[in-house]
Amino acid sequence: QLTSLPGVGRKTANVVLSVAFQQPTMAVDTHVFRV
């Protein structure tokens, strides 16, 4: 449902699910990818 919204990709959706709703999701940005 989140990624059905305009401008919302998987990374953004995972951040919202994790931080706002405490779901075990992993947002992968450039830092997470590199490390």
Full PDB file with SEQRES, HELIX, SHEET, SSBOND, CRYST1, ORIGX, SCALE, CONECT and MASTER records, all heavy atoms in Angstrom:
SEQRES   1 A   35  GLN LEU THR SER LEU PRO GLY VAL GLY ARG LYS THR ALA          
SEQRES   2 A   35  ASN VAL VAL LEU SER VAL ALA PHE GLN GLN PRO THR MET          
SEQRES   3 A   35  ALA VAL ASP THR HIS VAL PHE ARG VAL                          
HELIX    1 AA1 LEU A    2  SER A    4  5                                   3    
HELIX    2 AA2 ARG A   10  PHE A   21  1                                  12    
HELIX    3 AA3 THR A   30  ARG A   34  1                                   5    
CRYST1    1.000    1.000    1.000  90.00  90.00  90.00 P 1           1          
ORIGX1      1.000000  0.000000  0.000000        0.00000                         
ORIGX2      0.000000  1.000000  0.000000        0.00000                         
ORIGX3      0.000000  0.000000  1.000000        0.00000                         
SCALE1      1.000000  0.000000  0.000000        0.00000                         
SCALE2      0.000000  1.000000  0.000000        0.00000                         
SCALE3      0.000000  0.000000  1.000000        0.00000                         
ATOM      1  N   GLN A   1       0.820  -1.209   0.000  1.00  0.00           N  
ATOM      2  CA  GLN A   1       0.000   0.000   0.000  1.00  0.00           C  
ATOM      3  C   GLN A   1       0.855   1.260   0.000  1.00  0.00           C  
ATOM      4  O   GLN A   1       0.547   2.231  -0.706  1.00  0.00           O  
ATOM      5  CB  GLN A   1      -0.935  -0.010   1.212  1.00  0.00           C  
ATOM      6  CG  GLN A   1      -2.019  -1.066   1.144  1.00  0.00           C  
ATOM      7  CD  GLN A   1      -2.842  -1.134   2.419  1.00  0.00           C  
ATOM      8  OE1 GLN A   1      -2.310  -1.005   3.532  1.00  0.00           O  
ATOM      9  NE2 GLN A   1      -4.136  -1.335   2.290  1.00  0.00           N  
ATOM     10  N   LEU A   2       1.923   1.259   0.764  1.00  0.00           N  
ATOM     11  CA  LEU A   2       2.800   2.439   0.807  1.00  0.00           C  
ATOM     12  C   LEU A   2       3.436   2.707  -0.549  1.00  0.00           C  
ATOM     13  O   LEU A   2       3.483   3.850  -1.008  1.00  0.00           O  
ATOM     14  CB  LEU A   2       3.880   2.259   1.879  1.00  0.00           C  
ATOM     15  CG  LEU A   2       3.468   2.584   3.312  1.00  0.00           C  
ATOM     16  CD1 LEU A   2       4.508   2.086   4.296  1.00  0.00           C  
ATOM     17  CD2 LEU A   2       3.248   4.083   3.488  1.00  0.00           C  
ATOM     18  N   THR A   3       3.946   1.677  -1.183  1.00  0.00           N  
ATOM     19  CA  THR A   3       4.614   1.876  -2.477  1.00  0.00           C  
ATOM     20  C   THR A   3       3.634   2.148  -3.611  1.00  0.00           C  
ATOM     21  O   THR A   3       4.057   2.452  -4.728  1.00  0.00           O  
ATOM     22  CB  THR A   3       5.497   0.667  -2.832  1.00  0.00           C  
ATOM     23  OG1 THR A   3       4.730  -0.534  -2.775  1.00  0.00           O  
ATOM     24  CG2 THR A   3       6.695   0.568  -1.894  1.00  0.00           C  
ATOM     25  N   SER A   4       2.342   2.064  -3.328  1.00  0.00           N  
ATOM     26  CA  SER A   4       1.353   2.452  -4.340  1.00  0.00           C  
ATOM     27  C   SER A   4       1.187   3.970  -4.378  1.00  0.00           C  
ATOM     28  O   SER A   4       0.596   4.507  -5.323  1.00  0.00           O  
ATOM     29  CB  SER A   4      -0.010   1.794  -4.051  1.00  0.00           C  
ATOM     30  OG  SER A   4      -0.643   2.404  -2.924  1.00  0.00           O  
ATOM     31  N   LEU A   5       1.719   4.657  -3.373  1.00  0.00           N  
ATOM     32  CA  LEU A   5       1.627   6.109  -3.318  1.00  0.00           C  
ATOM     33  C   LEU A   5       2.688   6.745  -4.200  1.00  0.00           C  
ATOM     34  O   LEU A   5       3.835   6.263  -4.259  1.00  0.00           O  
ATOM     35  CB  LEU A   5       1.811   6.594  -1.874  1.00  0.00           C  
ATOM     36  CG  LEU A   5       0.736   6.157  -0.867  1.00  0.00           C  
ATOM     37  CD1 LEU A   5       1.195   6.481   0.550  1.00  0.00           C  
ATOM     38  CD2 LEU A   5      -0.594   6.828  -1.182  1.00  0.00           C  
ATOM     39  N   PRO A   6       2.384   7.831  -4.899  1.00  0.00           N  
ATOM     40  CA  PRO A   6       3.354   8.508  -5.772  1.00  0.00           C  
ATOM     41  C   PRO A   6       4.606   8.932  -5.010  1.00  0.00           C  
ATOM     42  O   PRO A   6       4.520   9.498  -3.924  1.00  0.00           O  
ATOM     43  CB  PRO A   6       2.571   9.735  -6.268  1.00  0.00           C  
ATOM     44  CG  PRO A   6       1.137   9.325  -6.181  1.00  0.00           C  
ATOM     45  CD  PRO A   6       1.050   8.467  -4.950  1.00  0.00           C  
ATOM     46  N   GLY A   7       5.763   8.613  -5.571  1.00  0.00           N  
ATOM     47  CA  GLY A   7       7.030   9.042  -4.978  1.00  0.00           C  
ATOM     48  C   GLY A   7       7.519   8.215  -3.817  1.00  0.00           C  
ATOM     49  O   GLY A   7       8.557   8.527  -3.227  1.00  0.00           O  
ATOM     50  N   VAL A   8       6.798   7.151  -3.469  1.00  0.00           N  
ATOM     51  CA  VAL A   8       7.189   6.313  -2.335  1.00  0.00           C  
ATOM     52  C   VAL A   8       7.778   5.003  -2.847  1.00  0.00           C  
ATOM     53  O   VAL A   8       7.071   4.159  -3.391  1.00  0.00           O  
ATOM     54  CB  VAL A   8       6.000   6.009  -1.400  1.00  0.00           C  
ATOM     55  CG1 VAL A   8       6.444   5.123  -0.232  1.00  0.00           C  
ATOM     56  CG2 VAL A   8       5.398   7.308  -0.882  1.00  0.00           C  
ATOM     57  N   GLY A   9       9.098   4.861  -2.683  1.00  0.00           N  
ATOM     58  CA  GLY A   9       9.777   3.636  -3.089  1.00  0.00           C  
ATOM     59  C   GLY A   9       9.913   2.669  -1.926  1.00  0.00           C  
ATOM     60  O   GLY A   9       9.466   2.955  -0.809  1.00  0.00           O  
ATOM     61  N   ARG A  10      10.549   1.550  -2.198  1.00  0.00           N  
ATOM     62  CA  ARG A  10      10.675   0.505  -1.189  1.00  0.00           C  
ATOM     63  C   ARG A  10      11.461   0.973   0.035  1.00  0.00           C  
ATOM     64  O   ARG A  10      11.101   0.669   1.169  1.00  0.00           O  
ATOM     65  CB  ARG A  10      11.346  -0.722  -1.810  1.00  0.00           C  
ATOM     66  CG  ARG A  10      11.336  -1.949  -0.889  1.00  0.00           C  
ATOM     67  CD  ARG A  10      11.912  -3.176  -1.567  1.00  0.00           C  
ATOM     68  NE  ARG A  10      11.819  -4.332  -0.690  1.00  0.00           N  
ATOM     69  CZ  ARG A  10      10.769  -5.130  -0.630  1.00  0.00           C  
ATOM     70  NH1 ARG A  10       9.724  -4.908  -1.407  1.00  0.00           N  
ATOM     71  NH2 ARG A  10      10.765  -6.155   0.212  1.00  0.00           N  
ATOM     72  N   LYS A  11      12.526   1.728  -0.181  1.00  0.00           N  
ATOM     73  CA  LYS A  11      13.338   2.198   0.945  1.00  0.00           C  
ATOM     74  C   LYS A  11      12.521   3.107   1.863  1.00  0.00           C  
ATOM     75  O   LYS A  11      12.512   2.933   3.084  1.00  0.00           O  
ATOM     76  CB  LYS A  11      14.572   2.954   0.443  1.00  0.00           C  
ATOM     77  CG  LYS A  11      15.516   3.397   1.557  1.00  0.00           C  
ATOM     78  CD  LYS A  11      16.509   4.435   1.075  1.00  0.00           C  
ATOM     79  CE  LYS A  11      15.867   5.784   0.942  1.00  0.00           C  
ATOM     80  NZ  LYS A  11      16.835   6.870   0.628  1.00  0.00           N  
ATOM     81  N   THR A  12      11.832   4.061   1.271  1.00  0.00           N  
ATOM     82  CA  THR A  12      11.002   4.975   2.059  1.00  0.00           C  
ATOM     83  C   THR A  12       9.917   4.216   2.816  1.00  0.00           C  
ATOM     84  O   THR A  12       9.683   4.462   4.002  1.00  0.00           O  
ATOM     85  CB  THR A  12      10.344   6.022   1.134  1.00  0.00           C  
ATOM     86  OG1 THR A  12      11.375   6.848   0.576  1.00  0.00           O  
ATOM     87  CG2 THR A  12       9.368   6.901   1.900  1.00  0.00           C  
ATOM     88  N   ALA A  13       9.280   3.278   2.133  1.00  0.00           N  
ATOM     89  CA  ALA A  13       8.227   2.485   2.775  1.00  0.00           C  
ATOM     90  C   ALA A  13       8.777   1.705   3.964  1.00  0.00           C  
ATOM     91  O   ALA A  13       8.150   1.642   5.029  1.00  0.00           O  
ATOM     92  CB  ALA A  13       7.599   1.541   1.765  1.00  0.00           C  
ATOM     93  N   ASN A  14       9.947   1.110   3.803  1.00  0.00           N  
ATOM     94  CA  ASN A  14      10.542   0.331   4.888  1.00  0.00           C  
ATOM     95  C   ASN A  14      10.899   1.205   6.087  1.00  0.00           C  
ATOM     96  O   ASN A  14      10.781   0.763   7.238  1.00  0.00           O  
ATOM     97  CB  ASN A  14      11.778  -0.417   4.390  1.00  0.00           C  
ATOM     98  CG  ASN A  14      11.428  -1.715   3.689  1.00  0.00           C  
ATOM     99  OD1 ASN A  14      10.393  -2.316   3.957  1.00  0.00           O  
ATOM    100  ND2 ASN A  14      12.290  -2.162   2.786  1.00  0.00           N  
ATOM    101  N   VAL A  15      11.345   2.426   5.835  1.00  0.00           N  
ATOM    102  CA  VAL A  15      11.634   3.338   6.946  1.00  0.00           C  
ATOM    103  C   VAL A  15      10.365   3.625   7.735  1.00  0.00           C  
ATOM    104  O   VAL A  15      10.347   3.563   8.978  1.00  0.00           O  
ATOM    105  CB  VAL A  15      12.240   4.669   6.427  1.00  0.00           C  
ATOM    106  CG1 VAL A  15      12.281   5.706   7.555  1.00  0.00           C  
ATOM    107  CG2 VAL A  15      13.644   4.448   5.887  1.00  0.00           C  
ATOM    108  N   VAL A  16       9.292   3.929   7.042  1.00  0.00           N  
ATOM    109  CA  VAL A  16       8.025   4.244   7.706  1.00  0.00           C  
ATOM    110  C   VAL A  16       7.506   3.040   8.484  1.00  0.00           C  
ATOM    111  O   VAL A  16       7.083   3.161   9.643  1.00  0.00           O  
ATOM    112  CB  VAL A  16       6.974   4.713   6.680  1.00  0.00           C  
ATOM    113  CG1 VAL A  16       5.606   4.869   7.332  1.00  0.00           C  
ATOM    114  CG2 VAL A  16       7.409   6.032   6.049  1.00  0.00           C  
ATOM    115  N   LEU A  17       7.552   1.859   7.868  1.00  0.00           N  
ATOM    116  CA  LEU A  17       7.062   0.655   8.537  1.00  0.00           C  
ATOM    117  C   LEU A  17       7.880   0.348   9.790  1.00  0.00           C  
ATOM    118  O   LEU A  17       7.339  -0.050  10.821  1.00  0.00           O  
ATOM    119  CB  LEU A  17       7.113  -0.536   7.579  1.00  0.00           C  
ATOM    120  CG  LEU A  17       6.136  -0.476   6.397  1.00  0.00           C  
ATOM    121  CD1 LEU A  17       6.398  -1.634   5.441  1.00  0.00           C  
ATOM    122  CD2 LEU A  17       4.693  -0.502   6.872  1.00  0.00           C  
ATOM    123  N   SER A  18       9.180   0.561   9.698  1.00  0.00           N  
ATOM    124  CA  SER A  18      10.071   0.265  10.818  1.00  0.00           C  
ATOM    125  C   SER A  18       9.929   1.282  11.941  1.00  0.00           C  
ATOM    126  O   SER A  18       9.729   0.921  13.108  1.00  0.00           O  
ATOM    127  CB  SER A  18      11.520   0.231  10.329  1.00  0.00           C  
ATOM    128  OG  SER A  18      12.422   0.115  11.401  1.00  0.00           O  
ATOM    129  N   VAL A  19      10.016   2.553  11.605  1.00  0.00           N  
ATOM    130  CA  VAL A  19      10.046   3.604  12.622  1.00  0.00           C  
ATOM    131  C   VAL A  19       8.659   3.924  13.174  1.00  0.00           C  
ATOM    132  O   VAL A  19       8.476   4.036  14.393  1.00  0.00           O  
ATOM    133  CB  VAL A  19      10.707   4.880  12.061  1.00  0.00           C  
ATOM    134  CG1 VAL A  19      10.662   6.009  13.083  1.00  0.00           C  
ATOM    135  CG2 VAL A  19      12.146   4.594  11.646  1.00  0.00           C  
ATOM    136  N   ALA A  20       7.681   4.062  12.295  1.00  0.00           N  
ATOM    137  CA  ALA A  20       6.344   4.457  12.745  1.00  0.00           C  
ATOM    138  C   ALA A  20       5.536   3.295  13.298  1.00  0.00           C  
ATOM    139  O   ALA A  20       4.732   3.468  14.212  1.00  0.00           O  
ATOM    140  CB  ALA A  20       5.581   5.112  11.585  1.00  0.00           C  
ATOM    141  N   PHE A  21       5.766   2.086  12.731  1.00  0.00           N  
ATOM    142  CA  PHE A  21       4.916   0.955  13.092  1.00  0.00           C  
ATOM    143  C   PHE A  21       5.681  -0.227  13.688  1.00  0.00           C  
ATOM    144  O   PHE A  21       5.124  -1.298  13.892  1.00  0.00           O  
ATOM    145  CB  PHE A  21       4.122   0.505  11.864  1.00  0.00           C  
ATOM    146  CG  PHE A  21       3.287   1.609  11.258  1.00  0.00           C  
ATOM    147  CD1 PHE A  21       3.522   2.040   9.960  1.00  0.00           C  
ATOM    148  CD2 PHE A  21       2.306   2.235  12.002  1.00  0.00           C  
ATOM    149  CE1 PHE A  21       2.772   3.067   9.396  1.00  0.00           C  
ATOM    150  CE2 PHE A  21       1.536   3.263  11.459  1.00  0.00           C  
ATOM    151  CZ  PHE A  21       1.766   3.686  10.157  1.00  0.00           C  
ATOM    152  N   GLN A  22       6.978  -0.037  13.953  1.00  0.00           N  
ATOM    153  CA  GLN A  22       7.809  -1.043  14.626  1.00  0.00           C  
ATOM    154  C   GLN A  22       7.768  -2.420  13.943  1.00  0.00           C  
ATOM    155  O   GLN A  22       7.773  -3.461  14.597  1.00  0.00           O  
ATOM    156  CB  GLN A  22       7.410  -1.190  16.102  1.00  0.00           C  
ATOM    157  CG  GLN A  22       7.719   0.029  16.951  1.00  0.00           C  
ATOM    158  CD  GLN A  22       6.734   1.158  16.723  1.00  0.00           C  
ATOM    159  OE1 GLN A  22       5.521   0.955  16.829  1.00  0.00           O  
ATOM    160  NE2 GLN A  22       7.220   2.348  16.433  1.00  0.00           N  
ATOM    161  N   GLN A  23       7.716  -2.409  12.633  1.00  0.00           N  
ATOM    162  CA  GLN A  23       7.749  -3.659  11.888  1.00  0.00           C  
ATOM    163  C   GLN A  23       9.202  -4.021  11.565  1.00  0.00           C  
ATOM    164  O   GLN A  23      10.047  -3.135  11.387  1.00  0.00           O  
ATOM    165  CB  GLN A  23       6.937  -3.550  10.601  1.00  0.00           C  
ATOM    166  CG  GLN A  23       5.450  -3.362  10.823  1.00  0.00           C  
ATOM    167  CD  GLN A  23       4.663  -3.397   9.531  1.00  0.00           C  
ATOM    168  OE1 GLN A  23       5.078  -3.983   8.533  1.00  0.00           O  
ATOM    169  NE2 GLN A  23       3.492  -2.767   9.530  1.00  0.00           N  
ATOM    170  N   PRO A  24       9.539  -5.317  11.499  1.00  0.00           N  
ATOM    171  CA  PRO A  24      10.924  -5.740  11.246  1.00  0.00           C  
ATOM    172  C   PRO A  24      11.317  -5.615   9.777  1.00  0.00           C  
ATOM    173  O   PRO A  24      11.532  -6.610   9.073  1.00  0.00           O  
ATOM    174  CB  PRO A  24      10.928  -7.195  11.707  1.00  0.00           C  
ATOM    175  CG  PRO A  24       9.539  -7.669  11.436  1.00  0.00           C  
ATOM    176  CD  PRO A  24       8.655  -6.481  11.750  1.00  0.00           C  
ATOM    177  N   THR A  25      11.378  -4.377   9.306  1.00  0.00           N  
ATOM    178  CA  THR A  25      11.750  -4.126   7.909  1.00  0.00           C  
ATOM    179  C   THR A  25      13.142  -3.503   7.853  1.00  0.00           C  
ATOM    180  O   THR A  25      13.579  -2.847   8.797  1.00  0.00           O  
ATOM    181  CB  THR A  25      10.741  -3.198   7.221  1.00  0.00           C  
ATOM    182  OG1 THR A  25      10.696  -1.946   7.920  1.00  0.00           O  
ATOM    183  CG2 THR A  25       9.355  -3.823   7.214  1.00  0.00           C  
ATOM    184  N   MET A  26      13.820  -3.683   6.732  1.00  0.00           N  
ATOM    185  CA  MET A  26      15.181  -3.194   6.576  1.00  0.00           C  
ATOM    186  C   MET A  26      15.265  -2.262   5.372  1.00  0.00           C  
ATOM    187  O   MET A  26      15.218  -2.704   4.219  1.00  0.00           O  
ATOM    188  CB  MET A  26      16.142  -4.372   6.380  1.00  0.00           C  
ATOM    189  CG  MET A  26      17.584  -3.986   6.085  1.00  0.00           C  
ATOM    190  SD  MET A  26      18.399  -2.984   7.359  1.00  0.00           S  
ATOM    191  CE  MET A  26      18.498  -4.173   8.701  1.00  0.00           C  
ATOM    192  N   ALA A  27      15.341  -0.974   5.639  1.00  0.00           N  
ATOM    193  CA  ALA A  27      15.516   0.002   4.564  1.00  0.00           C  
ATOM    194  C   ALA A  27      16.988   0.043   4.174  1.00  0.00           C  
ATOM    195  O   ALA A  27      17.856   0.218   5.025  1.00  0.00           O  
ATOM    196  CB  ALA A  27      15.049   1.380   5.023  1.00  0.00           C  
ATOM    197  N   VAL A  28      17.266  -0.116   2.891  1.00  0.00           N  
ATOM    198  CA  VAL A  28      18.654  -0.132   2.417  1.00  0.00           C  
ATOM    199  C   VAL A  28      18.931   1.132   1.621  1.00  0.00           C  
ATOM    200  O   VAL A  28      18.475   1.283   0.483  1.00  0.00           O  
ATOM    201  CB  VAL A  28      18.934  -1.382   1.569  1.00  0.00           C  
ATOM    202  CG1 VAL A  28      20.365  -1.352   1.036  1.00  0.00           C  
ATOM    203  CG2 VAL A  28      18.700  -2.645   2.387  1.00  0.00           C  
ATOM    204  N   ASP A  29      19.651   2.049   2.233  1.00  0.00           N  
ATOM    205  CA  ASP A  29      20.103   3.242   1.525  1.00  0.00           C  
ATOM    206  C   ASP A  29      21.563   3.053   1.131  1.00  0.00           C  
ATOM    207  O   ASP A  29      22.105   1.953   1.247  1.00  0.00           O  
ATOM    208  CB  ASP A  29      19.907   4.483   2.404  1.00  0.00           C  
ATOM    209  CG  ASP A  29      20.779   4.470   3.655  1.00  0.00           C  
ATOM    210  OD1 ASP A  29      21.496   3.466   3.886  1.00  0.00           O  
ATOM    211  OD2 ASP A  29      20.758   5.459   4.411  1.00  0.00           O  
ATOM    212  N   THR A  30      22.211   4.101   0.673  1.00  0.00           N  
ATOM    213  CA  THR A  30      23.600   3.969   0.224  1.00  0.00           C  
ATOM    214  C   THR A  30      24.534   3.580   1.376  1.00  0.00           C  
ATOM    215  O   THR A  30      25.485   2.826   1.165  1.00  0.00           O  
ATOM    216  CB  THR A  30      24.099   5.285  -0.406  1.00  0.00           C  
ATOM    217  OG1 THR A  30      23.927   6.363   0.533  1.00  0.00           O  
ATOM    218  CG2 THR A  30      23.317   5.610  -1.659  1.00  0.00           C  
ATOM    219  N   HIS A  31      24.252   4.073   2.584  1.00  0.00           N  
ATOM    220  CA  HIS A  31      25.098   3.736   3.733  1.00  0.00           C  
ATOM    221  C   HIS A  31      24.975   2.254   4.089  1.00  0.00           C  
ATOM    222  O   HIS A  31      25.974   1.556   4.282  1.00  0.00           O  
ATOM    223  CB  HIS A  31      24.718   4.586   4.950  1.00  0.00           C  
ATOM    224  CG  HIS A  31      24.935   6.049   4.771  1.00  0.00           C  
ATOM    225  ND1 HIS A  31      26.165   6.599   4.468  1.00  0.00           N  
ATOM    226  CD2 HIS A  31      24.063   7.100   4.855  1.00  0.00           C  
ATOM    227  CE1 HIS A  31      26.052   7.910   4.377  1.00  0.00           C  
ATOM    228  NE2 HIS A  31      24.795   8.233   4.600  1.00  0.00           N  
ATOM    229  N   VAL A  32      23.742   1.775   4.196  1.00  0.00           N  
ATOM    230  CA  VAL A  32      23.513   0.375   4.545  1.00  0.00           C  
ATOM    231  C   VAL A  32      24.082  -0.537   3.469  1.00  0.00           C  
ATOM    232  O   VAL A  32      24.710  -1.561   3.774  1.00  0.00           O  
ATOM    233  CB  VAL A  32      22.006   0.105   4.747  1.00  0.00           C  
ATOM    234  CG1 VAL A  32      21.744  -1.385   4.980  1.00  0.00           C  
ATOM    235  CG2 VAL A  32      21.476   0.909   5.930  1.00  0.00           C  
ATOM    236  N   PHE A  33      23.899  -0.173   2.222  1.00  0.00           N  
ATOM    237  CA  PHE A  33      24.418  -0.971   1.104  1.00  0.00           C  
ATOM    238  C   PHE A  33      25.948  -1.073   1.185  1.00  0.00           C  
ATOM    239  O   PHE A  33      26.515  -2.157   1.095  1.00  0.00           O  
ATOM    240  CB  PHE A  33      24.004  -0.329  -0.220  1.00  0.00           C  
ATOM    241  CG  PHE A  33      24.295  -1.165  -1.431  1.00  0.00           C  
ATOM    242  CD1 PHE A  33      23.359  -2.080  -1.897  1.00  0.00           C  
ATOM    243  CD2 PHE A  33      25.501  -1.034  -2.127  1.00  0.00           C  
ATOM    244  CE1 PHE A  33      23.611  -2.855  -3.030  1.00  0.00           C  
ATOM    245  CE2 PHE A  33      25.766  -1.798  -3.243  1.00  0.00           C  
ATOM    246  CZ  PHE A  33      24.827  -2.712  -3.698  1.00  0.00           C  
ATOM    247  N   ARG A  34      26.605   0.062   1.389  1.00  0.00           N  
ATOM    248  CA  ARG A  34      28.069   0.107   1.427  1.00  0.00           C  
ATOM    249  C   ARG A  34      28.639  -0.655   2.621  1.00  0.00           C  
ATOM    250  O   ARG A  34      29.532  -1.496   2.467  1.00  0.00           O  
ATOM    251  CB  ARG A  34      28.526   1.573   1.486  1.00  0.00           C  
ATOM    252  CG  ARG A  34      30.045   1.746   1.582  1.00  0.00           C  
ATOM    253  CD  ARG A  34      30.439   3.204   1.633  1.00  0.00           C  
ATOM    254  NE  ARG A  34      30.037   3.882   2.852  1.00  0.00           N  
ATOM    255  CZ  ARG A  34      29.026   4.757   2.935  1.00  0.00           C  
ATOM    256  NH1 ARG A  34      28.314   5.041   1.867  1.00  0.00           N  
ATOM    257  NH2 ARG A  34      28.744   5.337   4.081  1.00  0.00           N  
ATOM    258  N   VAL A  35      28.115  -0.378   3.804  1.00  0.00           N  
ATOM    259  CA  VAL A  35      28.644  -1.001   5.024  1.00  0.00           C  
ATOM    260  C   VAL A  35      28.406  -2.505   5.019  1.00  0.00           C  
ATOM    261  O   VAL A  35      29.276  -3.282   5.440  1.00  0.00           O  
ATOM    262  CB  VAL A  35      28.036  -0.349   6.277  1.00  0.00           C  
ATOM    263  CG1 VAL A  35      28.470  -1.093   7.536  1.00  0.00           C  
ATOM    264  CG2 VAL A  35      28.459   1.115   6.360  1.00  0.00           C  
TER     265      VAL A  35                                                      
MASTER        0    0    0    3    0    0    0    6  264    1    0    3          
END                                                                             
